[in-house]
């Protein structure tokens, strides 16, 4: 099992645009083979701080996800709307 966490910061004026992009990305990604979960979280005390939390059956499934049209298009749109931290990729320890 592969887990991925990607944090990002969005300026208040870009928040609704970023959330719109993420809504489409989440809906499409949840239909992908190997996707266990894909959720966008907002920090409780600051709506402009986001965390994308993903779980995949395998690295191959995650790699395939990054080649999908919806992922590539979403990343292109989000480049101008947010500042993302590097992805943290975990494997199950137990």
Foldseek 3Di string as FASTA:
>chain_A
DKKKKKKKFFDPVLLVVLVVLVVVLQVVLVPAPFWPHWDKDADPVGRRIIMIITGGPDPVSVVVSCVDPSNVVSVVSCVVGIGMDDMDMDDDDD
